Amino acid sequence: MTSSSNALEKLPAKPRRLRQAPTKSAQPEAVGRKAPVKAFRERNCSVGRTIDAIGDGWTFMVLRECYFNVRKFEKFQDILQLPRTTLAARLNALTDEGLLRQVQYSDRPPRYEYALTKVGVDLYPVMLALMSFGDKWLAGKQGKPLQLVHQACGKQCTALVICSECREEVLPSRVSYRDGPGAGTSPVRPGRKGRRSADPTALERRRPSSVARALKVIGDRWSFMIIREGFFRIRRFDELQTGLGIAPNILADRLGRLVADGVFERVKYQSLPDRFEYKFTEKGKDLFGPLIAMLRWGDEWLSGGEPPLILTHLDCGHDFHAVVACDQCREALVANQMRYVMNYRDPNPQ
């Protein structure tokens, strides 16, 4: 069974940027007798900003359905089986962040559907990078739910994260980092949610999905951030707690889950008392591709033109950004050039 994403809504020529990069200047002190409360500051990071913009697992799933050309509220609800209030909140958040826009399709009564903007379409490679991780590590005996077909070269393919300069696959051990023009720290964004989904299995209620399976492993924003720190070679509990400003019980919980899911392994580095650090497994290392794909999207839309981090590919010696490409022809994968062979019954047949 095949489906195509060629029917994406025409995009506005100049979509708005989502947010300006935070300033590096100190915050003004509160006026009054009470001493100002010191807000926790964190490293400027395009991965963190991307996660803040996207939200949670359900938001990812709403976007996934958009790439399958779902546009109407009732169809989202039928496929995802979310409460109306929850679904409305996710659609409103994506609209506020500039990833979706409302398009009126009925006058009497007024009704609207949701179309991807250029900003939303540009997040598609991140979905493919997460899907590749899920296909490789989480498919199980049933195999991967979806086969990509790249119409530009006509071949079935797998999404591969490559260097923009030499077009070779990027491995975490072959990348160096340095501060970019947007480096620095900023106050933690208010209203941020770090909770895990209460029922992660619900993400696959109607449509099996390697993206959903990857999100079950990654869990939530804190898990993303712990994984990010791992790629900066920050591996010890106290270093993670200091760098992220995370409560020790939450950090212990997330590290325990990531170890149980095979992303990290605990390695003793000291005896009397026993102390451990957390190193990536081969499975964990494969999350590098999705993270630098998020980094590229965040740099493009959320950094105000000042990326906080510059990546250098040691194999070719050039600064680069991640490209999610066809493993057959090494050309970038674009939403309107893809077809899908589904290994399940499509809940939204065209």
Protein backbone atom coordinates (compact mmCIF):
# COMPACT_ATOMS: atom_id res chain seq x y z
CA MET A 1 0.00 0.00 0.00
CA THR A 2 1.45 3.33 -0.93
CA SER A 3 0.80 6.90 0.11
CA SER A 4 2.34 10.19 -0.99
CA SER A 5 3.04 13.53 0.72
CA ASN A 6 2.84 15.50 -2.55
CA ALA A 7 -0.34 17.23 -1.44
CA LEU A 8 1.29 19.61 1.05
CA GLU A 9 -0.32 23.04 1.24
CA LYS A 10 1.35 25.80 -0.82
CA LEU A 11 3.68 27.62 1.46
CA PRO A 12 3.97 31.35 2.11
CA ALA A 13 7.00 32.91 0.48
CA LYS A 14 8.41 34.40 3.66
CA PRO A 15 7.27 32.61 6.82
CA ARG A 16 8.08 34.35 10.04
CA ARG A 17 11.00 33.30 12.18
CA LEU A 18 9.84 31.76 15.42
CA ARG A 19 11.82 33.61 18.06
CA GLN A 20 14.80 35.85 18.24
CA ALA A 21 17.87 34.46 19.97
CA PRO A 22 18.04 35.38 23.67
CA THR A 23 20.27 38.28 24.49
CA LYS A 24 23.45 37.65 26.40
CA SER A 25 23.03 40.70 28.63
CA ALA A 26 22.31 40.31 32.34
CA GLN A 27 18.67 40.36 33.43
CA PRO A 28 17.49 43.53 35.23
CA GLU A 29 17.23 43.23 39.01
CA ALA A 30 13.81 43.23 40.64
CA VAL A 31 12.75 46.50 42.28
CA GLY A 32 11.67 46.39 45.92
CA ARG A 33 12.81 45.22 49.30
CA LYS A 34 12.87 41.51 48.53
CA ALA A 35 16.12 40.11 47.19
CA PRO A 36 15.76 38.99 43.58
CA VAL A 37 15.32 35.26 43.03
CA LYS A 38 18.16 33.98 40.92
CA ALA A 39 16.76 32.17 37.88
CA PHE A 40 18.65 29.12 36.70
CA ARG A 41 20.51 29.73 33.46
CA GLU A 42 21.38 27.09 30.92
CA ARG A 43 23.64 26.82 27.92
CA ASN A 44 22.21 28.29 24.72
CA CYS A 45 21.41 25.28 22.58
CA SER A 46 19.47 24.86 19.37
CA VAL A 47 18.54 21.30 20.35
CA GLY A 48 16.92 22.57 23.55
CA ARG A 49 15.10 25.31 21.67
CA THR A 50 13.82 22.78 19.14
CA ILE A 51 12.48 20.57 21.91
CA ASP A 52 10.83 23.58 23.57
CA ALA A 53 9.15 24.51 20.27
CA ILE A 54 7.92 21.00 19.52
CA GLY A 55 6.76 20.20 23.01
CA ASP A 56 6.14 16.53 23.74
CA GLY A 57 5.49 13.16 22.14
CA TRP A 58 1.91 14.00 21.21
CA THR A 59 3.08 17.12 19.37
CA PHE A 60 5.50 14.97 17.38
CA MET A 61 2.62 12.64 16.52
CA VAL A 62 0.42 15.52 15.35
CA LEU A 63 3.24 16.63 13.07
CA ARG A 64 3.71 13.07 11.82
CA GLU A 65 0.06 13.00 10.72
CA CYS A 66 0.55 16.35 8.96
CA TYR A 67 3.28 14.73 6.85
CA PHE A 68 0.73 12.06 5.96
CA ASN A 69 -1.52 14.89 4.72
CA VAL A 70 -3.96 14.86 7.65
CA ARG A 71 -5.37 18.37 8.04
CA LYS A 72 -8.79 18.36 9.70
CA PHE A 73 -9.34 18.29 13.47
CA GLU A 74 -11.74 15.33 13.34
CA LYS A 75 -9.25 13.23 11.35
CA PHE A 76 -6.42 14.01 13.79
CA GLN A 77 -8.70 12.95 16.63
CA ASP A 78 -9.82 9.77 14.87
CA ILE A 79 -6.24 8.63 14.22
CA LEU A 80 -4.58 9.78 17.44
CA GLN A 81 -7.61 9.23 19.71
CA LEU A 82 -6.72 12.20 21.86
CA PRO A 83 -9.22 14.12 24.01
CA ARG A 84 -10.45 17.18 22.13
CA THR A 85 -8.94 19.59 24.65
CA THR A 86 -5.51 17.88 24.45
CA LEU A 87 -5.54 17.85 20.65
CA ALA A 88 -6.69 21.50 20.47
CA ALA A 89 -3.86 22.50 22.81
CA ARG A 90 -1.24 20.76 20.65
CA LEU A 91 -2.59 22.23 17.40
CA ASN A 92 -2.77 25.71 18.93
CA ALA A 93 0.80 25.41 20.22
CA LEU A 94 2.10 24.35 16.79
CA THR A 95 0.21 27.24 15.20
CA ASP A 96 1.59 29.71 17.75
CA GLU A 97 5.12 28.43 17.10
CA GLY A 98 4.67 28.92 13.36
CA LEU A 99 4.85 25.27 12.28
CA LEU A 100 1.17 25.14 11.23
CA ARG A 101 -1.31 27.69 9.94
CA GLN A 102 -5.07 27.62 9.88
CA VAL A 103 -6.81 27.57 6.49
CA GLN A 104 -10.57 28.11 6.29
CA TYR A 105 -12.37 25.46 4.24
CA SER A 106 -16.03 26.14 5.20
CA ASP A 107 -18.00 29.37 5.57
CA ARG A 108 -21.22 28.09 7.13
CA PRO A 109 -20.31 27.25 9.76
CA PRO A 110 -16.72 28.58 9.72
CA ARG A 111 -14.33 25.64 9.84
CA TYR A 112 -10.56 25.49 9.58
CA GLU A 113 -7.93 22.90 8.75
CA TYR A 114 -4.24 22.92 9.55
CA ALA A 115 -1.55 23.24 6.87
CA LEU A 116 2.19 22.95 7.33
CA THR A 117 4.18 26.15 6.94
CA LYS A 118 7.70 26.21 5.52
CA VAL A 119 8.94 26.04 9.11
CA GLY A 120 6.91 22.89 9.72
CA VAL A 121 7.91 21.24 6.46
CA ASP A 122 11.56 21.92 7.31
CA LEU A 123 11.21 19.75 10.43
CA TYR A 124 10.47 16.71 8.25
CA PRO A 125 14.13 15.56 8.13
CA VAL A 126 14.17 15.38 11.95
CA MET A 127 11.23 12.97 11.77
CA LEU A 128 13.11 10.84 9.23
CA ALA A 129 16.23 10.75 11.40
CA LEU A 130 14.17 9.59 14.39
CA MET A 131 12.43 7.04 12.16
CA SER A 132 15.77 5.58 11.05
CA PHE A 133 16.80 5.15 14.68
CA GLY A 134 13.53 3.42 15.50
CA ASP A 135 13.73 1.20 12.41
CA LYS A 136 17.23 0.03 13.30
CA TRP A 137 16.87 -0.53 17.02
CA LEU A 138 13.17 -0.88 17.86
CA ALA A 139 11.43 -2.60 14.96
CA GLY A 140 11.26 -6.03 16.60
CA LYS A 141 10.15 -9.18 14.83
CA GLN A 142 7.47 -7.42 12.77
CA GLY A 143 10.04 -5.25 11.02
CA LYS A 144 9.83 -1.56 10.30
CA PRO A 145 6.32 -0.16 9.79
CA LEU A 146 7.19 2.04 6.81
CA GLN A 147 9.50 1.87 3.80
CA LEU A 148 10.64 5.17 2.29
CA VAL A 149 10.76 5.59 -1.48
CA HIS A 150 12.78 8.54 -2.77
CA GLN A 151 11.04 9.70 -5.92
CA ALA A 152 14.04 11.76 -7.05
CA CYS A 153 16.13 8.61 -7.59
CA GLY A 154 13.29 6.11 -7.70
CA LYS A 155 14.77 3.82 -5.05
CA GLN A 156 13.69 2.51 -1.69
CA CYS A 157 15.91 4.16 0.86
CA THR A 158 16.85 4.77 4.46
CA ALA A 159 17.38 8.25 5.87
CA LEU A 160 21.07 8.86 6.58
CA VAL A 161 22.52 11.87 8.42
CA ILE A 162 25.47 13.17 6.40
CA CYS A 163 27.90 16.08 6.33
CA SER A 164 26.76 19.02 4.22
CA GLU A 165 30.29 19.42 2.81
CA CYS A 166 31.62 15.95 1.97
CA ARG A 167 28.26 14.08 1.86
CA GLU A 168 29.61 11.27 4.06
CA GLU A 169 27.88 9.83 7.11
CA VAL A 170 28.59 11.73 10.32
CA LEU A 171 29.72 9.73 13.36
CA PRO A 172 29.85 11.29 16.85
CA SER A 173 33.52 10.41 17.35
CA ARG A 174 34.42 12.34 14.18
CA VAL A 175 32.92 15.71 15.13
CA SER A 176 34.44 18.55 17.12
CA TYR A 177 32.60 21.52 18.61
CA ARG A 178 33.33 25.16 19.24
CA ASP A 179 31.28 28.13 20.37
CA GLY A 180 29.31 29.98 17.71
CA PRO A 181 28.17 33.62 17.75
CA GLY A 182 25.11 32.69 19.81
CA ALA A 183 27.04 30.92 22.57
CA GLY A 184 26.35 31.87 26.15
CA THR A 185 23.62 31.20 28.68
CA SER A 186 19.97 32.22 29.00
CA PRO A 187 17.32 31.92 31.71
CA VAL A 188 15.33 28.71 31.57
CA ARG A 189 12.20 29.30 29.49
CA PRO A 190 9.14 29.64 31.79
CA GLY A 191 6.39 27.07 31.54
CA ARG A 192 8.69 24.31 30.30
CA LYS A 193 7.41 20.79 30.85
CA GLY A 194 9.82 17.99 31.68
CA ARG A 195 7.37 15.23 32.56
CA ARG A 196 7.32 11.91 30.80
CA SER A 197 4.18 10.85 28.95
CA ALA A 198 1.90 8.90 31.30
CA ASP A 199 1.10 6.35 28.59
CA PRO A 200 3.81 6.22 25.90
CA THR A 201 2.21 3.15 24.26
CA ALA A 202 -0.73 5.37 23.30
CA LEU A 203 1.47 7.04 20.66
CA GLU A 204 0.87 3.99 18.44
CA ARG A 205 -2.87 3.53 18.93
CA ARG A 206 -3.81 3.57 15.25
CA ARG A 207 -0.55 3.80 13.32
CA PRO A 208 2.60 1.82 14.15
CA SER A 209 5.50 4.25 14.09
CA SER A 210 9.26 4.06 14.48
CA VAL A 211 9.21 7.75 15.44
CA ALA A 212 6.84 6.97 18.31
CA ARG A 213 9.08 4.10 19.43
CA ALA A 214 12.13 6.37 19.39
CA LEU A 215 10.25 8.93 21.47
CA LYS A 216 9.35 6.25 24.03
CA VAL A 217 13.08 5.63 24.53
CA ILE A 218 14.08 9.29 24.61
CA GLY A 219 11.12 10.04 26.86
CA ASP A 220 10.97 13.78 27.46
CA ARG A 221 12.95 17.01 27.41
CA TRP A 222 15.17 16.00 30.33
CA SER A 223 16.14 12.78 28.60
CA PHE A 224 16.96 14.71 25.42
CA MET A 225 19.15 17.07 27.43
CA ILE A 226 20.97 14.27 29.25
CA ILE A 227 21.69 12.62 25.89
CA ARG A 228 22.91 15.94 24.51
CA GLU A 229 25.30 16.34 27.44
CA GLY A 230 26.58 12.84 26.80
CA PHE A 231 27.72 13.90 23.35
CA PHE A 232 29.62 16.75 25.05
CA ARG A 233 31.34 13.96 27.03
CA ILE A 234 29.65 14.94 30.30
CA ARG A 235 29.10 11.55 31.87
CA ARG A 236 29.01 11.85 35.66
CA PHE A 237 25.99 12.39 37.86
CA ASP A 238 27.22 15.52 39.65
CA GLU A 239 28.37 17.13 36.38
CA LEU A 240 25.00 16.45 34.75
CA GLN A 241 23.13 17.83 37.74
CA THR A 242 25.20 21.01 37.84
CA GLY A 243 25.06 21.60 34.10
CA LEU A 244 21.34 20.98 33.66
CA GLY A 245 19.98 22.28 36.96
CA ILE A 246 17.93 19.11 37.29
CA ALA A 247 16.65 17.71 40.60
CA PRO A 248 18.70 14.68 41.68
CA ASN A 249 15.67 12.37 41.90
CA ILE A 250 14.61 13.27 38.35
CA LEU A 251 18.14 12.83 37.05
CA ALA A 252 18.44 9.43 38.74
CA ASP A 253 15.11 8.37 37.24
CA ARG A 254 16.02 9.44 33.69
CA LEU A 255 19.49 7.88 33.84
CA GLY A 256 17.98 4.64 35.14
CA ARG A 257 15.49 4.57 32.26
CA LEU A 258 18.15 5.35 29.66
CA VAL A 259 20.32 2.53 31.03
CA ALA A 260 17.34 0.14 31.01
CA ASP A 261 16.57 1.12 27.41
CA GLY A 262 20.15 0.43 26.33
CA VAL A 263 21.14 4.03 25.54
CA PHE A 264 23.77 4.25 28.32
CA GLU A 265 25.83 1.75 30.24
CA ARG A 266 27.04 2.38 33.80
CA VAL A 267 30.81 2.14 34.08
CA LYS A 268 32.58 2.26 37.45
CA TYR A 269 35.34 4.85 37.61
CA GLN A 270 35.99 4.87 41.38
CA SER A 271 35.85 2.48 44.32
CA LEU A 272 35.39 3.29 48.03
CA PRO A 273 32.88 4.72 47.53
CA ASP A 274 31.71 3.21 44.26
CA ARG A 275 31.04 5.85 41.64
CA PHE A 276 29.83 5.41 38.09
CA GLU A 277 29.73 7.34 34.86
CA TYR A 278 27.35 6.90 31.95
CA LYS A 279 28.75 6.02 28.54
CA PHE A 280 26.88 5.56 25.30
CA THR A 281 26.20 2.11 23.94
CA GLU A 282 26.23 1.61 20.17
CA LYS A 283 22.48 2.16 20.27
CA GLY A 284 22.95 5.42 22.15
CA LYS A 285 25.57 6.65 19.69
CA ASP A 286 23.00 6.33 16.91
CA LEU A 287 20.96 9.12 18.53
CA PHE A 288 23.65 11.56 17.41
CA GLY A 289 22.08 11.86 13.95
CA PRO A 290 18.61 12.91 15.18
CA LEU A 291 20.16 15.37 17.64
CA ILE A 292 22.30 17.18 15.08
CA ALA A 293 19.29 17.21 12.71
CA MET A 294 17.40 19.03 15.49
CA LEU A 295 20.41 21.31 15.94
CA ARG A 296 20.29 22.32 12.27
CA TRP A 297 16.55 23.08 12.44
CA GLY A 298 16.98 25.10 15.62
CA ASP A 299 19.90 27.02 14.12
CA GLU A 300 17.82 27.85 11.06
CA TRP A 301 14.60 28.98 12.77
CA LEU A 302 15.31 29.73 16.44
CA SER A 303 18.80 31.22 16.69
CA GLY A 304 18.19 34.63 15.11
CA GLY A 305 21.05 33.92 12.71
CA GLU A 306 23.50 33.30 15.57
CA PRO A 307 23.98 29.56 16.10
CA PRO A 308 25.33 28.76 19.57
CA LEU A 309 27.50 25.89 18.36
CA ILE A 310 29.66 25.25 15.30
CA LEU A 311 30.31 21.67 14.24
CA THR A 312 33.45 20.55 12.39
CA HIS A 313 33.59 17.23 10.57
CA LEU A 314 37.03 15.80 11.27
CA ASP A 315 36.92 13.49 8.24
CA CYS A 316 36.85 16.38 5.77
CA GLY A 317 38.04 19.23 8.00
CA HIS A 318 35.09 21.51 7.22
CA ASP A 319 32.47 23.18 9.36
CA PHE A 320 29.15 21.60 8.46
CA HIS A 321 25.49 21.18 9.23
CA ALA A 322 23.54 17.95 9.24
CA VAL A 323 21.75 16.86 6.06
CA VAL A 324 19.21 14.04 6.24
CA ALA A 325 19.76 12.31 2.92
CA CYS A 326 18.84 9.27 0.84
CA ASP A 327 21.34 6.50 1.50
CA GLN A 328 21.20 5.55 -2.20
CA CYS A 329 21.88 8.88 -3.96
CA ARG A 330 23.04 11.08 -1.01
CA GLU A 331 20.60 13.85 -1.96
CA ALA A 332 18.61 15.62 0.77
CA LEU A 333 15.22 14.08 1.51
CA VAL A 334 12.36 16.55 0.98
CA ALA A 335 8.77 15.88 2.03
CA ASN A 336 7.17 16.37 -1.38
CA GLN A 337 9.63 13.96 -3.03
CA MET A 338 8.76 10.98 -0.84
CA ARG A 339 6.41 8.01 -1.14
CA TYR A 340 5.76 5.41 1.51
CA VAL A 341 5.18 1.68 1.38
CA MET A 342 3.16 0.88 4.50
CA ASN A 343 3.42 -2.49 6.22
CA TYR A 344 0.10 -1.89 7.99
CA ARG A 345 -3.42 -0.76 7.17
CA ASP A 346 -3.43 3.00 6.55
CA PRO A 347 -5.91 4.75 8.90
CA ASN A 348 -6.06 7.70 6.48
CA PRO A 349 -6.37 6.26 2.94
CA GLN A 350 -6.19 8.88 0.21
